Amino acid sequence: MAPVLDPHRDVSAPATVADLSALLGPMPLWRIRSVPPPGSAGEGDVLRIHARNDRLCELIDGTLVEKTVGSEESELAIWIAVLLSNHIRPRKLGSVLGADGMIRLDAGLVRIPDVCFISANRLPGGRLPRKPILDIVPNLVVEVLSESNTAKEMRRKLREYFKAGVELVWHVDPRSRTVAVYTAPDKRVVLKGSQALTGGRVVPGFKVTLKQLFAG
């Protein structure tokens, strides 16, 4: 089994789902797939589960973690993708992917943002490759927070995204109707009320008020 746990753990003891839950979240145990055994999964398993069971699983240290999105979060993610696409496509700035967009951030690390934007200059020949798992790092990542997401899980994702080369991350919270805008794992601005969300230099010219965003 691959070494996926706390380095201070007794390595002679087998990894358990509870161990992994504490490491990755802590998160609900049902989100961690036991087949294939944690530590032994690969990208092929991610694709097989999606094809056979219509389930989205991220790959983290050889472990499959199910990505769950409720109906409210899904609707909001689609609306954000529409808003971004309506701005990006006419200007030929790049491509916008939805919740099926699998991204390889590193060897053995596959994340599936709710929405992401890849600028044209990161696309080979300006076109999106026809691959089930892209090895192109997005410029912008959007995560719509659900009740099963934990603070530790989201902090880990932030570190991974920025380490890989993501420039901007939005954490959209439908319950509090706020957006946390990250330009680094430890640098954020929280927008609320009548404030507006912009794309900054990452998505030039994009702007939407939070009222418009959450009204969608």
C-alpha atoms as a PDB file:
ATOM      1  CA  MET A   1       0.000   0.000   0.000  1.00  0.00           C
ATOM      2  CA  ALA A   2       1.274   3.433  -0.905  1.00  0.00           C
ATOM      3  CA  PRO A   3       2.320   5.690   1.992  1.00  0.00           C
ATOM      4  CA  VAL A   4      -0.647   8.019   2.190  1.00  0.00           C
ATOM      5  CA  LEU A   5      -0.947   8.667   5.902  1.00  0.00           C
ATOM      6  CA  ASP A   6       0.598  10.762   8.614  1.00  0.00           C
ATOM      7  CA  PRO A   7       4.370  10.029   8.637  1.00  0.00           C
ATOM      8  CA  HIS A   8       4.229   9.710  12.430  1.00  0.00           C
ATOM      9  CA  ARG A   9       1.745   6.841  12.203  1.00  0.00           C
ATOM     10  CA  ASP A  10       2.897   3.293  12.976  1.00  0.00           C
ATOM     11  CA  VAL A  11       3.734   2.149   9.444  1.00  0.00           C
ATOM     12  CA  SER A  12       3.346  -1.496  10.454  1.00  0.00           C
ATOM     13  CA  ALA A  13      -0.375  -0.911  10.991  1.00  0.00           C
ATOM     14  CA  PRO A  14      -2.651  -1.115   7.929  1.00  0.00           C
ATOM     15  CA  ALA A  15      -4.333   2.042   6.719  1.00  0.00           C
ATOM     16  CA  THR A  16      -8.025   2.191   7.551  1.00  0.00           C
ATOM     17  CA  VAL A  17     -10.806   4.224   6.025  1.00  0.00           C
ATOM     18  CA  ALA A  18     -11.055   6.082   9.336  1.00  0.00           C
ATOM     19  CA  ASP A  19      -7.332   6.935   9.117  1.00  0.00           C
ATOM     20  CA  LEU A  20      -7.852   8.300   5.627  1.00  0.00           C
ATOM     21  CA  SER A  21     -10.937  10.245   6.666  1.00  0.00           C
ATOM     22  CA  ALA A  22      -8.929  11.975   9.382  1.00  0.00           C
ATOM     23  CA  LEU A  23      -6.091  12.721   6.977  1.00  0.00           C
ATOM     24  CA  LEU A  24      -8.189  13.984   4.086  1.00  0.00           C
ATOM     25  CA  GLY A  25     -10.858  15.901   5.975  1.00  0.00           C
ATOM     26  CA  PRO A  26     -11.896  14.659   8.335  1.00  0.00           C
ATOM     27  CA  MET A  27     -14.738  13.809   5.976  1.00  0.00           C
ATOM     28  CA  PRO A  28     -17.727  11.452   5.938  1.00  0.00           C
ATOM     29  CA  LEU A  29     -16.507   7.873   5.599  1.00  0.00           C
ATOM     30  CA  TRP A  30     -18.932   7.155   2.757  1.00  0.00           C
ATOM     31  CA  ARG A  31     -17.003   9.540   0.498  1.00  0.00           C
ATOM     32  CA  ILE A  32     -13.882   7.329   0.613  1.00  0.00           C
ATOM     33  CA  ARG A  33     -14.049   4.378  -1.757  1.00  0.00           C
ATOM     34  CA  SER A  34     -12.857   1.071  -0.324  1.00  0.00           C
ATOM     35  CA  VAL A  35     -12.668  -0.600  -3.758  1.00  0.00           C
ATOM     36  CA  PRO A  36     -10.006  -0.561  -4.991  1.00  0.00           C
ATOM     37  CA  PRO A  37      -8.278  -0.544  -1.599  1.00  0.00           C
ATOM     38  CA  PRO A  38      -7.119   2.921  -0.498  1.00  0.00           C
ATOM     39  CA  GLY A  39      -3.563   3.520  -1.650  1.00  0.00           C
ATOM     40  CA  SER A  40      -3.864   1.271  -4.723  1.00  0.00           C
ATOM     41  CA  ALA A  41      -6.217   3.229  -7.007  1.00  0.00           C
ATOM     42  CA  GLY A  42      -5.156   4.837 -10.267  1.00  0.00           C
ATOM     43  CA  GLU A  43      -6.539   7.034 -13.017  1.00  0.00           C
ATOM     44  CA  GLY A  44      -8.127   4.025 -14.717  1.00  0.00           C
ATOM     45  CA  ASP A  45     -10.291   3.511 -11.639  1.00  0.00           C
ATOM     46  CA  VAL A  46     -11.426   7.137 -11.775  1.00  0.00           C
ATOM     47  CA  LEU A  47     -12.557   6.690 -15.385  1.00  0.00           C
ATOM     48  CA  ARG A  48     -14.170   3.271 -14.818  1.00  0.00           C
ATOM     49  CA  ILE A  49     -16.320   4.468 -11.928  1.00  0.00           C
ATOM     50  CA  HIS A  50     -17.419   7.472 -13.936  1.00  0.00           C
ATOM     51  CA  ALA A  51     -18.307   5.326 -16.948  1.00  0.00           C
ATOM     52  CA  ARG A  52     -20.021   2.485 -15.054  1.00  0.00           C
ATOM     53  CA  ASN A  53     -21.625   4.236 -12.092  1.00  0.00           C
ATOM     54  CA  ASP A  54     -21.805   7.866 -13.245  1.00  0.00           C
ATOM     55  CA  ARG A  55     -19.882   8.862 -10.116  1.00  0.00           C
ATOM     56  CA  LEU A  56     -17.140  11.459  -9.957  1.00  0.00           C
ATOM     57  CA  CYS A  57     -14.169  10.525  -7.806  1.00  0.00           C
ATOM     58  CA  GLU A  58     -10.989  12.489  -7.256  1.00  0.00           C
ATOM     59  CA  LEU A  59      -7.698  10.609  -6.951  1.00  0.00           C
ATOM     60  CA  ILE A  60      -5.573  11.508  -3.933  1.00  0.00           C
ATOM     61  CA  ASP A  61      -2.499   9.489  -2.966  1.00  0.00           C
ATOM     62  CA  GLY A  62      -3.905   6.334  -4.542  1.00  0.00           C
ATOM     63  CA  THR A  63      -7.278   6.808  -2.848  1.00  0.00           C
ATOM     64  CA  LEU A  64     -10.623   7.522  -4.525  1.00  0.00           C
ATOM     65  CA  VAL A  65     -12.645  10.241  -2.824  1.00  0.00           C
ATOM     66  CA  GLU A  66     -16.174  10.740  -4.105  1.00  0.00           C
ATOM     67  CA  LYS A  67     -17.073  14.239  -5.158  1.00  0.00           C
ATOM     68  CA  THR A  68     -20.651  15.000  -4.207  1.00  0.00           C
ATOM     69  CA  VAL A  69     -22.687  17.977  -5.303  1.00  0.00           C
ATOM     70  CA  GLY A  70     -26.262  18.656  -4.238  1.00  0.00           C
ATOM     71  CA  SER A  71     -28.891  20.024  -6.581  1.00  0.00           C
ATOM     72  CA  GLU A  72     -28.470  23.594  -5.332  1.00  0.00           C
ATOM     73  CA  GLU A  73     -24.696  23.464  -5.705  1.00  0.00           C
ATOM     74  CA  SER A  74     -24.984  21.857  -9.137  1.00  0.00           C
ATOM     75  CA  GLU A  75     -27.387  24.525 -10.391  1.00  0.00           C
ATOM     76  CA  LEU A  76     -25.141  27.277  -9.088  1.00  0.00           C
ATOM     77  CA  ALA A  77     -22.051  25.723 -10.693  1.00  0.00           C
ATOM     78  CA  ILE A  78     -23.847  25.531 -14.042  1.00  0.00           C
ATOM     79  CA  TRP A  79     -24.889  29.176 -13.760  1.00  0.00           C
ATOM     80  CA  ILE A  80     -21.314  30.246 -12.998  1.00  0.00           C
ATOM     81  CA  ALA A  81     -20.097  28.259 -16.004  1.00  0.00           C
ATOM     82  CA  VAL A  82     -22.718  29.989 -18.193  1.00  0.00           C
ATOM     83  CA  LEU A  83     -21.700  33.435 -16.949  1.00  0.00           C
ATOM     84  CA  LEU A  84     -18.030  32.723 -17.585  1.00  0.00           C
ATOM     85  CA  SER A  85     -18.674  31.140 -20.985  1.00  0.00           C
ATOM     86  CA  ASN A  86     -20.803  34.054 -22.126  1.00  0.00           C
ATOM     87  CA  HIS A  87     -17.852  36.346 -21.426  1.00  0.00           C
ATOM     88  CA  ILE A  88     -14.990  34.088 -22.514  1.00  0.00           C
ATOM     89  CA  ARG A  89     -16.232  32.447 -25.722  1.00  0.00           C
ATOM     90  CA  PRO A  90     -16.982  35.588 -27.799  1.00  0.00           C
ATOM     91  CA  ARG A  91     -13.561  36.977 -26.866  1.00  0.00           C
ATOM     92  CA  LYS A  92     -11.815  33.653 -27.568  1.00  0.00           C
ATOM     93  CA  LEU A  93     -10.051  33.805 -24.208  1.00  0.00           C
ATOM     94  CA  GLY A  94      -9.990  30.048 -23.706  1.00  0.00           C
ATOM     95  CA  SER A  95     -12.205  27.194 -22.517  1.00  0.00           C
ATOM     96  CA  VAL A  96     -14.573  26.727 -19.580  1.00  0.00           C
ATOM     97  CA  LEU A  97     -15.084  23.231 -18.145  1.00  0.00           C
ATOM     98  CA  GLY A  98     -17.851  21.978 -15.882  1.00  0.00           C
ATOM     99  CA  ALA A  99     -17.971  19.354 -13.154  1.00  0.00           C
ATOM    100  CA  ASP A 100     -16.884  16.526 -15.477  1.00  0.00           C
ATOM    101  CA  GLY A 101     -13.586  18.253 -16.214  1.00  0.00           C
ATOM    102  CA  MET A 102     -10.897  16.018 -14.717  1.00  0.00           C
ATOM    103  CA  ILE A 103      -7.533  17.670 -14.194  1.00  0.00           C
ATOM    104  CA  ARG A 104      -4.216  15.953 -13.441  1.00  0.00           C
ATOM    105  CA  LEU A 105      -2.366  18.310 -11.122  1.00  0.00           C
ATOM    106  CA  ASP A 106       0.495  15.914 -10.422  1.00  0.00           C
ATOM    107  CA  ALA A 107       1.341  12.228 -10.644  1.00  0.00           C
ATOM    108  CA  GLY A 108      -1.387  10.369  -8.755  1.00  0.00           C
ATOM    109  CA  LEU A 109      -3.384  13.544  -8.129  1.00  0.00           C
ATOM    110  CA  VAL A 110      -6.587  14.140 -10.098  1.00  0.00           C
ATOM    111  CA  ARG A 111      -8.959  16.914  -9.066  1.00  0.00           C
ATOM    112  CA  ILE A 112     -12.381  17.757 -10.499  1.00  0.00           C
ATOM    113  CA  PRO A 113     -13.280  21.431  -9.953  1.00  0.00           C
ATOM    114  CA  ASP A 114     -16.943  22.386 -10.192  1.00  0.00           C
ATOM    115  CA  VAL A 115     -15.951  24.909 -12.869  1.00  0.00           C
ATOM    116  CA  CYS A 116     -12.586  25.888 -14.299  1.00  0.00           C
ATOM    117  CA  PHE A 117     -11.195  28.194 -16.956  1.00  0.00           C
ATOM    118  CA  ILE A 118      -8.152  27.417 -19.094  1.00  0.00           C
ATOM    119  CA  SER A 119      -6.725  30.347 -21.031  1.00  0.00           C
ATOM    120  CA  ALA A 120      -6.039  29.979 -24.756  1.00  0.00           C
ATOM    121  CA  ASN A 121      -2.294  30.338 -24.242  1.00  0.00           C
ATOM    122  CA  ARG A 122      -2.297  27.194 -22.082  1.00  0.00           C
ATOM    123  CA  LEU A 123      -4.126  25.149 -24.701  1.00  0.00           C
ATOM    124  CA  PRO A 124      -1.975  23.369 -27.293  1.00  0.00           C
ATOM    125  CA  GLY A 125      -2.741  25.081 -30.580  1.00  0.00           C
ATOM    126  CA  GLY A 126      -5.429  27.054 -28.793  1.00  0.00           C
ATOM    127  CA  ARG A 127      -7.681  23.989 -28.635  1.00  0.00           C
ATOM    128  CA  LEU A 128      -8.883  21.792 -25.799  1.00  0.00           C
ATOM    129  CA  PRO A 129      -7.346  18.297 -26.150  1.00  0.00           C
ATOM    130  CA  ARG A 130      -9.752  15.368 -26.397  1.00  0.00           C
ATOM    131  CA  LYS A 131      -8.532  13.532 -23.326  1.00  0.00           C
ATOM    132  CA  PRO A 132     -10.593  12.138 -20.440  1.00  0.00           C
ATOM    133  CA  ILE A 133      -8.106  13.548 -17.927  1.00  0.00           C
ATOM    134  CA  LEU A 134      -6.348  16.764 -18.892  1.00  0.00           C
ATOM    135  CA  ASP A 135      -2.782  17.478 -17.871  1.00  0.00           C
ATOM    136  CA  ILE A 136      -3.296  21.214 -18.419  1.00  0.00           C
ATOM    137  CA  VAL A 137      -3.508  23.299 -15.249  1.00  0.00           C
ATOM    138  CA  PRO A 138      -6.441  25.765 -15.255  1.00  0.00           C
ATOM    139  CA  ASN A 139      -5.946  29.486 -14.657  1.00  0.00           C
ATOM    140  CA  LEU A 140      -9.142  29.760 -12.612  1.00  0.00           C
ATOM    141  CA  VAL A 141     -10.780  27.120 -10.414  1.00  0.00           C
ATOM    142  CA  VAL A 142     -14.269  27.447  -8.918  1.00  0.00           C
ATOM    143  CA  GLU A 143     -15.389  25.259  -6.026  1.00  0.00           C
ATOM    144  CA  VAL A 144     -19.028  25.494  -4.951  1.00  0.00           C
ATOM    145  CA  LEU A 145     -19.000  24.451  -1.307  1.00  0.00           C
ATOM    146  CA  SER A 146     -21.306  21.685  -0.129  1.00  0.00           C
ATOM    147  CA  GLU A 147     -22.125  20.499   3.375  1.00  0.00           C
ATOM    148  CA  SER A 148     -19.842  17.463   3.035  1.00  0.00           C
ATOM    149  CA  ASN A 149     -16.780  19.609   2.283  1.00  0.00           C
ATOM    150  CA  THR A 150     -14.507  20.208   5.258  1.00  0.00           C
ATOM    151  CA  ALA A 151     -12.221  23.151   5.950  1.00  0.00           C
ATOM    152  CA  LYS A 152      -9.152  20.890   5.977  1.00  0.00           C
ATOM    153  CA  GLU A 153     -10.120  19.327   2.661  1.00  0.00           C
ATOM    154  CA  MET A 154     -10.556  22.713   1.020  1.00  0.00           C
ATOM    155  CA  ARG A 155      -7.256  24.043   2.417  1.00  0.00           C
ATOM    156  CA  ARG A 156      -5.467  21.030   0.974  1.00  0.00           C
ATOM    157  CA  LYS A 157      -7.083  21.643  -2.413  1.00  0.00           C
ATOM    158  CA  LEU A 158      -5.977  25.273  -2.324  1.00  0.00           C
ATOM    159  CA  ARG A 159      -2.348  24.282  -1.716  1.00  0.00           C
ATOM    160  CA  GLU A 160      -2.477  21.746  -4.530  1.00  0.00           C
ATOM    161  CA  TYR A 161      -4.080  24.121  -6.996  1.00  0.00           C
ATOM    162  CA  PHE A 162      -1.625  26.962  -6.472  1.00  0.00           C
ATOM    163  CA  LYS A 163       1.375  24.637  -6.343  1.00  0.00           C
ATOM    164  CA  ALA A 164       0.357  23.274  -9.760  1.00  0.00           C
ATOM    165  CA  GLY A 165       0.051  26.758 -11.284  1.00  0.00           C
ATOM    166  CA  VAL A 166      -3.565  27.855 -10.782  1.00  0.00           C
ATOM    167  CA  GLU A 167      -3.698  31.654 -10.545  1.00  0.00           C
ATOM    168  CA  LEU A 168      -7.128  32.258  -9.016  1.00  0.00           C
ATOM    169  CA  VAL A 169      -9.569  30.199  -6.924  1.00  0.00           C
ATOM    170  CA  TRP A 170     -13.151  31.067  -6.011  1.00  0.00           C
ATOM    171  CA  HIS A 171     -14.872  29.327  -3.087  1.00  0.00           C
ATOM    172  CA  VAL A 172     -18.569  29.965  -3.619  1.00  0.00           C
ATOM    173  CA  ASP A 173     -20.774  29.346  -0.574  1.00  0.00           C
ATOM    174  CA  PRO A 174     -24.496  29.152  -1.469  1.00  0.00           C
ATOM    175  CA  ARG A 175     -25.563  29.080   2.193  1.00  0.00           C
ATOM    176  CA  SER A 176     -23.855  32.292   3.264  1.00  0.00           C
ATOM    177  CA  ARG A 177     -24.060  33.772  -0.261  1.00  0.00           C
ATOM    178  CA  THR A 178     -20.419  34.736  -0.167  1.00  0.00           C
ATOM    179  CA  VAL A 179     -17.428  34.189  -2.438  1.00  0.00           C
ATOM    180  CA  ALA A 180     -13.912  33.815  -1.061  1.00  0.00           C
ATOM    181  CA  VAL A 181     -11.436  34.939  -3.722  1.00  0.00           C
ATOM    182  CA  TYR A 182      -7.989  33.377  -3.333  1.00  0.00           C
ATOM    183  CA  THR A 183      -4.881  34.610  -5.120  1.00  0.00           C
ATOM    184  CA  ALA A 184      -2.680  32.361  -2.941  1.00  0.00           C
ATOM    185  CA  PRO A 185      -3.461  29.655  -0.364  1.00  0.00           C
ATOM    186  CA  ASP A 186      -3.111  32.187   2.449  1.00  0.00           C
ATOM    187  CA  LYS A 187      -4.358  35.302   0.651  1.00  0.00           C
ATOM    188  CA  ARG A 188      -8.074  35.860   0.224  1.00  0.00           C
ATOM    189  CA  VAL A 189     -10.830  38.443   0.085  1.00  0.00           C
ATOM    190  CA  VAL A 190     -14.394  37.488   1.053  1.00  0.00           C
ATOM    191  CA  LEU A 191     -17.106  39.144  -1.039  1.00  0.00           C
ATOM    192  CA  LYS A 192     -20.680  39.506   0.186  1.00  0.00           C
ATOM    193  CA  GLY A 193     -23.808  41.600  -0.037  1.00  0.00           C
ATOM    194  CA  SER A 194     -23.808  44.077  -2.918  1.00  0.00           C
ATOM    195  CA  GLN A 195     -20.161  43.532  -3.879  1.00  0.00           C
ATOM    196  CA  ALA A 196     -19.091  42.345  -7.330  1.00  0.00           C
ATOM    197  CA  LEU A 197     -16.951  39.395  -8.364  1.00  0.00           C
ATOM    198  CA  THR A 198     -14.367  40.081 -11.076  1.00  0.00           C
ATOM    199  CA  GLY A 199     -11.908  37.960 -13.004  1.00  0.00           C
ATOM    200  CA  GLY A 200      -9.012  40.334 -12.372  1.00  0.00           C
ATOM    201  CA  ARG A 201      -6.110  39.812 -14.743  1.00  0.00           C
ATOM    202  CA  VAL A 202      -6.989  36.093 -15.051  1.00  0.00           C
ATOM    203  CA  VAL A 203     -10.335  36.655 -16.790  1.00  0.00           C
ATOM    204  CA  PRO A 204     -10.045  40.258 -18.053  1.00  0.00           C
ATOM    205  CA  GLY A 205     -13.283  42.230 -18.115  1.00  0.00           C
ATOM    206  CA  PHE A 206     -15.423  39.650 -16.330  1.00  0.00           C
ATOM    207  CA  LYS A 207     -17.680  41.100 -13.644  1.00  0.00           C
ATOM    208  CA  VAL A 208     -20.872  39.958 -11.933  1.00  0.00           C
ATOM    209  CA  THR A 209     -22.568  41.194  -8.779  1.00  0.00           C
ATOM    210  CA  LEU A 210     -23.179  38.647  -6.049  1.00  0.00           C
ATOM    211  CA  LYS A 211     -26.893  39.396  -6.374  1.00  0.00           C
ATOM    212  CA  GLN A 212     -26.741  38.316 -10.027  1.00  0.00           C
ATOM    213  CA  LEU A 213     -24.567  35.330  -9.177  1.00  0.00           C
ATOM    214  CA  PHE A 214     -26.858  33.877  -6.517  1.00  0.00           C
ATOM    215  CA  ALA A 215     -30.070  34.889  -8.286  1.00  0.00           C
ATOM    216  CA  GLY A 216     -29.160  32.417 -11.015  1.00  0.00           C
END
